[in-house]
């Protein structure tokens, strides 16, 4: 294992922000950390980076504690962006690259590579304040990966991006993973997590409420979603004892049930009413699981 978080707890006076979580992330994997606002994600990231000291427990990278001495091994994209608005993109990235111990020639080579990849070469000599929010986010991401980190931490990297730029960023993250970078990220966009992560941890009030392989979690989760299309009104299912939630959609409904036996009972009742055009049982989406496990809004 490359990144090891063992029984980590963080207290601020009487408040426990992170409460005894343990995580192992293998080298080259992409790991998702989920939770509502205030669940402890950013606090955990800051402890990984060495910006905060755990109250209890330990965090190691390749069996060594992280500190300012090995900060060049890590890339960090914070949720709250922090670029210098009056500097040009080139000057900004050159300055940040030097802080990571890079030589100027190497910095300029990487700047060229990443600006071309994000299709923003023309912004190299523009001031950051002249860029759109989406393009500023691209520059912030480049600043986090310019020095080719072994461990990359992304805090809400897709926040505020349109679909085109979101896909561009996802492809860049996958590219880094292919190069062997270990990636830990948080996102409120569950579909991105489903597409990209092998393993996840879900936090509520600083505690892990769900953890493990995303595939295993979805397969083993009791709740199922049933997509039903029919030529008649299906609203009667709202009172069916086997249905825990009913959502109207075009031409039908999405019914949540607890298991396959419940799905069979629902099908029998629907079939009594007439012809069923579609009846499809699906594993719950990560969005459904998140709402079920966390669903109370802010946690702290």
Protein backbone atom coordinates (compact mmCIF):
# COMPACT_ATOMS: atom_id res chain seq x y z
CA UNK A 1 0.00 0.00 0.00
CA UNK A 2 1.26 3.51 -0.80
CA UNK A 3 -0.95 5.89 1.17
CA UNK A 4 -1.85 4.67 4.67
CA UNK A 5 -4.27 6.47 6.97
CA UNK A 6 -4.53 4.59 10.26
CA UNK A 7 -7.18 5.37 12.89
CA UNK A 8 -6.85 9.10 12.31
CA UNK A 9 -8.78 11.46 14.52
CA UNK A 10 -8.70 15.27 14.48
CA UNK A 11 -10.17 17.42 17.23
CA UNK A 12 -10.57 21.19 17.30
CA UNK A 13 -11.19 21.92 21.00
CA UNK A 14 -14.35 19.89 21.75
CA UNK A 15 -15.29 19.39 18.11
CA UNK A 16 -14.23 16.12 16.38
CA UNK A 17 -13.83 16.84 12.66
CA UNK A 18 -12.42 13.42 11.70
CA UNK A 19 -13.25 10.45 13.87
CA UNK A 20 -11.02 7.39 13.60
CA UNK A 21 -10.90 6.74 9.84
CA UNK A 22 -8.53 4.25 8.20
CA UNK A 23 -7.76 4.18 4.48
CA UNK A 24 -5.26 2.34 2.29
CA UNK A 25 -4.74 3.52 -1.28
CA UNK A 26 -2.55 1.42 -3.53
CA UNK A 27 -0.07 3.07 -5.84
CA UNK A 28 -1.62 4.17 -9.12
CA UNK A 29 -5.21 3.86 -7.89
CA UNK A 30 -7.89 6.53 -7.95
CA UNK A 31 -9.69 6.87 -4.63
CA UNK A 32 -12.86 8.84 -3.89
CA UNK A 33 -13.60 10.57 -0.59
CA UNK A 34 -17.27 11.52 -0.32
CA UNK A 35 -19.47 13.34 2.15
CA UNK A 36 -21.71 16.35 2.54
CA UNK A 37 -20.21 19.76 3.31
CA UNK A 38 -18.45 19.60 6.67
CA UNK A 39 -18.04 15.82 6.70
CA UNK A 40 -14.27 16.00 7.27
CA UNK A 41 -12.93 15.58 3.72
CA UNK A 42 -10.88 18.77 3.50
CA UNK A 43 -9.58 18.31 7.04
CA UNK A 44 -8.37 14.84 6.05
CA UNK A 45 -6.68 16.23 2.93
CA UNK A 46 -4.89 18.86 5.00
CA UNK A 47 -3.65 16.17 7.37
CA UNK A 48 -2.36 14.10 4.43
CA UNK A 49 -0.50 17.20 3.21
CA UNK A 50 1.00 17.81 6.63
CA UNK A 51 -0.78 21.16 7.00
CA UNK A 52 -2.60 19.81 10.05
CA UNK A 53 -1.35 17.32 12.61
CA UNK A 54 -3.68 14.42 13.49
CA UNK A 55 -4.81 14.41 17.11
CA UNK A 56 -4.51 10.62 17.01
CA UNK A 57 -3.40 8.06 14.45
CA UNK A 58 -0.89 8.24 11.62
CA UNK A 59 -0.67 9.09 7.92
CA UNK A 60 2.22 7.82 5.81
CA UNK A 61 3.26 7.87 2.17
CA UNK A 62 5.55 4.98 1.20
CA UNK A 63 5.95 4.27 4.94
CA UNK A 64 7.15 7.82 5.63
CA UNK A 65 5.31 10.65 7.34
CA UNK A 66 4.55 13.54 5.02
CA UNK A 67 5.99 16.96 5.80
CA UNK A 68 7.36 20.05 4.06
CA UNK A 69 10.53 18.07 3.33
CA UNK A 70 8.75 15.84 0.82
CA UNK A 71 6.08 18.22 -0.40
CA UNK A 72 7.55 17.95 -3.91
CA UNK A 73 6.06 14.45 -4.06
CA UNK A 74 2.50 15.78 -3.73
CA UNK A 75 0.19 17.84 -5.91
CA UNK A 76 -2.81 19.58 -4.36
CA UNK A 77 -5.80 21.26 -5.96
CA UNK A 78 -7.72 22.99 -3.15
CA UNK A 79 -11.46 23.55 -3.31
CA UNK A 80 -10.89 27.27 -2.80
CA UNK A 81 -8.68 28.29 -5.68
CA UNK A 82 -5.59 30.39 -4.95
CA UNK A 83 -3.99 31.99 -8.00
CA UNK A 84 -2.33 35.41 -8.22
CA UNK A 85 -4.70 37.44 -10.43
CA UNK A 86 -2.15 40.06 -11.55
CA UNK A 87 0.49 37.56 -12.73
CA UNK A 88 0.53 36.11 -16.22
CA UNK A 89 -0.11 32.38 -16.56
CA UNK A 90 3.52 31.77 -17.55
CA UNK A 91 4.98 33.79 -14.65
CA UNK A 92 2.59 32.20 -12.18
CA UNK A 93 3.36 28.63 -13.20
CA UNK A 94 7.09 29.34 -13.39
CA UNK A 95 7.07 30.70 -9.83
CA UNK A 96 5.08 27.73 -8.47
CA UNK A 97 7.29 25.26 -10.33
CA UNK A 98 10.40 26.78 -8.78
CA UNK A 99 8.85 26.35 -5.33
CA UNK A 100 8.65 22.61 -6.11
CA UNK A 101 12.37 22.52 -7.00
CA UNK A 102 11.96 22.42 -10.78
CA UNK A 103 14.43 24.01 -13.20
CA UNK A 104 13.18 26.77 -15.48
CA UNK A 105 13.77 24.81 -18.68
CA UNK A 106 11.77 21.86 -17.33
CA UNK A 107 9.00 24.18 -16.11
CA UNK A 108 8.57 25.80 -19.52
CA UNK A 109 8.47 22.39 -21.22
CA UNK A 110 5.68 21.23 -18.87
CA UNK A 111 3.80 24.52 -19.25
CA UNK A 112 3.77 24.07 -23.02
CA UNK A 113 2.62 20.45 -22.70
CA UNK A 114 -0.29 21.22 -20.38
CA UNK A 115 -1.46 24.41 -22.08
CA UNK A 116 -1.62 22.49 -25.35
CA UNK A 117 -3.46 19.61 -23.68
CA UNK A 118 -6.08 22.00 -22.30
CA UNK A 119 -6.22 23.96 -25.57
CA UNK A 120 -5.35 27.27 -23.91
CA UNK A 121 -1.94 28.02 -25.43
CA UNK A 122 -3.03 31.58 -26.27
CA UNK A 123 -3.44 32.38 -22.55
CA UNK A 124 0.22 31.87 -21.64
CA UNK A 125 0.99 35.59 -21.53
CA UNK A 126 -2.41 36.73 -20.22
CA UNK A 127 -3.02 37.69 -16.61
CA UNK A 128 -5.03 35.18 -14.60
CA UNK A 129 -7.73 37.79 -13.89
CA UNK A 130 -8.40 38.02 -17.64
CA UNK A 131 -9.36 34.33 -17.85
CA UNK A 132 -12.81 32.79 -17.40
CA UNK A 133 -13.49 30.82 -14.23
CA UNK A 134 -13.20 27.52 -16.14
CA UNK A 135 -9.85 28.47 -17.66
CA UNK A 136 -8.56 29.67 -14.29
CA UNK A 137 -9.42 26.24 -12.96
CA UNK A 138 -7.36 24.65 -15.72
CA UNK A 139 -4.37 26.77 -14.72
CA UNK A 140 -4.88 25.85 -11.06
CA UNK A 141 -4.87 22.17 -12.05
CA UNK A 142 -1.69 22.64 -14.10
CA UNK A 143 -0.06 24.24 -11.07
CA UNK A 144 -0.93 21.12 -9.04
CA UNK A 145 0.60 18.65 -11.53
CA UNK A 146 3.40 20.64 -13.18
CA UNK A 147 6.07 18.93 -11.05
CA UNK A 148 4.80 15.40 -11.83
CA UNK A 149 3.70 14.46 -8.29
CA UNK A 150 3.53 10.88 -7.12
CA UNK A 151 0.41 11.63 -5.05
CA UNK A 152 -2.27 14.00 -6.31
CA UNK A 153 -5.07 15.33 -4.08
CA UNK A 154 -8.01 16.99 -5.81
CA UNK A 155 -10.64 18.73 -3.66
CA UNK A 156 -13.82 19.22 -5.76
CA UNK A 157 -11.89 19.45 -9.06
CA UNK A 158 -15.01 19.52 -11.28
CA UNK A 159 -16.87 22.23 -9.38
CA UNK A 160 -18.18 24.93 -11.72
CA UNK A 161 -16.93 23.34 -14.94
CA UNK A 162 -19.13 23.00 -18.01
CA UNK A 163 -19.46 19.49 -19.54
CA UNK A 164 -16.72 20.07 -22.16
CA UNK A 165 -14.13 21.29 -19.65
CA UNK A 166 -15.21 18.63 -17.13
CA UNK A 167 -14.50 15.88 -19.67
CA UNK A 168 -11.18 17.50 -20.56
CA UNK A 169 -10.17 17.50 -16.89
CA UNK A 170 -11.31 13.89 -16.39
CA UNK A 171 -9.17 12.81 -19.34
CA UNK A 172 -6.19 14.64 -17.85
CA UNK A 173 -6.69 12.91 -14.49
CA UNK A 174 -6.92 9.50 -16.21
CA UNK A 175 -3.74 10.31 -18.15
CA UNK A 176 -1.89 10.97 -14.90
CA UNK A 177 -3.20 7.73 -13.42
CA UNK A 178 -1.88 5.84 -16.46
CA UNK A 179 1.53 7.38 -15.72
CA UNK A 180 1.37 5.86 -12.22
CA UNK A 181 0.13 8.81 -10.17
CA UNK A 182 -1.91 7.91 -7.08
CA UNK A 183 -5.00 10.12 -6.99
CA UNK A 184 -7.35 10.94 -4.12
CA UNK A 185 -10.26 13.23 -4.83
CA UNK A 186 -13.54 14.46 -3.48
CA UNK A 187 -16.56 15.42 -5.54
CA UNK A 188 -20.24 16.13 -5.03
CA UNK A 189 -20.80 14.94 -8.60
CA UNK A 190 -21.43 11.25 -8.00
CA UNK A 191 -21.34 10.30 -11.66
CA UNK A 192 -17.72 11.42 -11.90
CA UNK A 193 -16.82 9.26 -8.91
CA UNK A 194 -18.60 6.24 -10.43
CA UNK A 195 -16.73 6.72 -13.71
CA UNK A 196 -13.28 7.15 -12.21
CA UNK A 197 -12.80 5.50 -8.81
CA UNK A 198 -11.92 1.95 -7.87
CA UNK A 199 -12.51 2.47 -4.14
CA UNK A 200 -14.30 5.02 -1.99
CA UNK A 201 -14.92 6.12 1.55
CA UNK A 202 -18.12 7.94 2.52
CA UNK A 203 -17.95 10.22 5.55
CA UNK A 204 -20.66 11.57 7.83
CA UNK A 205 -19.76 13.77 10.79
CA UNK A 206 -16.16 12.69 10.36
CA UNK A 207 -16.90 8.96 10.54
CA UNK A 208 -16.79 6.39 7.75
CA UNK A 209 -20.31 5.16 7.04
CA UNK A 210 -19.38 3.19 3.91
CA UNK A 211 -16.03 2.07 2.57
CA UNK A 212 -14.49 -0.33 0.06
CA UNK A 213 -14.62 -1.32 -3.60
CA UNK A 214 -17.24 0.74 -5.44
CA UNK A 215 -18.25 -2.32 -7.46
CA UNK A 216 -18.74 -4.45 -4.35
CA UNK A 217 -20.61 -1.68 -2.54
CA UNK A 218 -23.11 -1.25 -5.38
CA UNK A 219 -23.63 -5.00 -5.83
CA UNK A 220 -24.09 -5.65 -2.14
CA UNK A 221 -26.26 -2.66 -1.35
CA UNK A 222 -29.80 -3.70 -0.50
CA UNK A 223 -31.70 -0.95 -2.24
CA UNK A 224 -32.49 -1.48 -5.92
CA UNK A 225 -33.95 0.93 -8.45
CA UNK A 226 -36.68 -0.35 -10.76
CA UNK A 227 -37.46 1.53 -13.96
CA UNK A 228 -41.07 0.86 -14.99
CA UNK A 229 -42.78 2.07 -18.19
CA UNK A 230 -46.44 1.40 -18.87
CA UNK A 231 -49.41 2.93 -20.72
CA UNK A 232 -51.36 3.53 -17.50
CA UNK A 233 -50.99 5.51 -14.29
CA UNK A 234 -48.43 3.94 -11.95
CA UNK A 235 -48.91 6.33 -9.04
CA UNK A 236 -50.70 3.58 -7.09
CA UNK A 237 -47.24 2.11 -6.39
CA UNK A 238 -46.59 4.93 -3.94
CA UNK A 239 -48.67 3.05 -1.38
CA UNK A 240 -47.21 -0.36 -2.18
CA UNK A 241 -45.50 -1.80 0.94
CA UNK A 242 -42.61 -3.10 -1.19
CA UNK A 243 -41.78 0.37 -2.57
CA UNK A 244 -39.72 2.69 -0.36
CA UNK A 245 -39.73 5.63 -2.76
CA UNK A 246 -41.45 6.45 -6.04
CA UNK A 247 -40.22 9.05 -8.55
CA UNK A 248 -42.32 9.95 -11.61
CA UNK A 249 -40.45 10.08 -14.93
CA UNK A 250 -41.55 10.47 -18.53
CA UNK A 251 -43.69 7.44 -19.52
CA UNK A 252 -43.34 5.80 -16.11
CA UNK A 253 -41.71 5.78 -12.68
CA UNK A 254 -38.53 4.85 -10.82
CA UNK A 255 -39.39 2.69 -7.81
CA UNK A 256 -36.92 1.97 -5.02
CA UNK A 257 -37.16 -1.46 -3.43
CA UNK A 258 -35.06 -3.22 -0.84
CA UNK A 259 -34.30 -6.46 -2.68
CA UNK A 260 -35.11 -8.61 -5.69
CA UNK A 261 -38.01 -10.36 -3.94
CA UNK A 262 -39.66 -6.99 -3.45
CA UNK A 263 -39.06 -6.23 -7.14
CA UNK A 264 -40.85 -9.46 -8.10
CA UNK A 265 -43.85 -8.51 -5.96
CA UNK A 266 -44.00 -5.08 -7.58
CA UNK A 267 -43.84 -6.62 -11.05
CA UNK A 268 -46.73 -8.97 -10.25
CA UNK A 269 -48.86 -6.07 -9.09
CA UNK A 270 -48.04 -3.92 -12.12
CA UNK A 271 -48.65 -6.79 -14.55
CA UNK A 272 -52.16 -7.24 -13.12
CA UNK A 273 -53.04 -3.75 -14.37
CA UNK A 274 -52.05 -4.30 -17.99
CA UNK A 275 -49.13 -4.46 -20.43
CA UNK A 276 -45.72 -3.47 -19.03
CA UNK A 277 -43.46 -1.88 -21.63
CA UNK A 278 -40.37 -1.86 -19.44
CA UNK A 279 -39.46 -3.32 -16.09
CA UNK A 280 -35.73 -3.08 -15.35
CA UNK A 281 -34.05 -3.72 -12.00
CA UNK A 282 -30.80 -1.78 -11.60
CA UNK A 283 -28.13 -1.59 -8.96
CA UNK A 284 -28.41 1.66 -7.02
CA UNK A 285 -26.47 4.61 -8.34
CA UNK A 286 -23.81 6.14 -6.12
CA UNK A 287 -26.14 9.15 -5.89
CA UNK A 288 -28.87 6.92 -4.39
CA UNK A 289 -26.42 5.38 -1.93
CA UNK A 290 -25.07 8.79 -0.95
CA UNK A 291 -28.55 10.16 -0.25
CA UNK A 292 -29.44 7.03 1.72
CA UNK A 293 -26.30 7.11 3.85
CA UNK A 294 -25.58 10.82 4.21
CA UNK A 295 -28.83 12.54 3.20
CA UNK A 296 -29.10 15.15 5.93
CA UNK A 297 -27.18 18.02 4.46
CA UNK A 298 -24.22 19.48 6.31
CA UNK A 299 -22.64 17.25 8.89
CA UNK A 300 -20.75 19.62 11.15
